[in-house]
Amino acid sequence: MCLLLYVLVLSVTMSKKLVLSVASIVSYFEATRLISKGENSYCSGHVQKPVFDASLGIIAAEVLASMRNKSYKVELNINDGSIVKSTCQCPRGLDQCHHMCAVAFFIHYNISSTDKTCSWTALKAKSDIGSTAEEQFPLKRDYVNPSLPLTEDENNARISRFYENLKQCGPTGFS
């Protein structure tokens, strides 16, 4: 099943630039058994709650333990396409463990180099705005503020215009 998943993901990942290549995973972890067990954990869906910060090059995740109802917190630091540092809360996590390798495979298959905060959505500083709403959207000349009372002449003129507009619409009951 994992091989099928690998083939499906390979076809998708060929079109995007990877953050972490398989070669960099192999060079960091070296031990074949560790890599195999880590890939198996990834393929089994043991990597949970991943959080990726592209600006810092850090991914944190929880990896379910193989034989228990327990999970370990794993953190990998990535720089220029290779793993710089890794930590895990498991007993073996001071050195290297398959939980770290599982998160590395998660990165390889799920995170591309474009997964980062868009620079064009950053908010502008208040001083860059430049103008007020009144300057950007000036009021129409004949705008009447509804909160201000009308004079009697203004009120009668508006009522007369209203009646004239109604007469143009046809019979309305006003004569």
Foldseek 3Di string as FASTA:
>chain_A
DLVVVVVVLVVVCVPFAALADPVQLCVVPVDPVLLVLLSVQLSVVQWADWDAALVQQKIWTWGQDDPDRDIKIKMFHGDPRHTDDIAIPDPVRVRDGSPNSNVSVCRRRPPGNPPHDDPVPDDDDPVVVPDDPCVVDPDDPPDDDVVDDDDPVVVVVVVVVVVVVVVVVPDDPDD
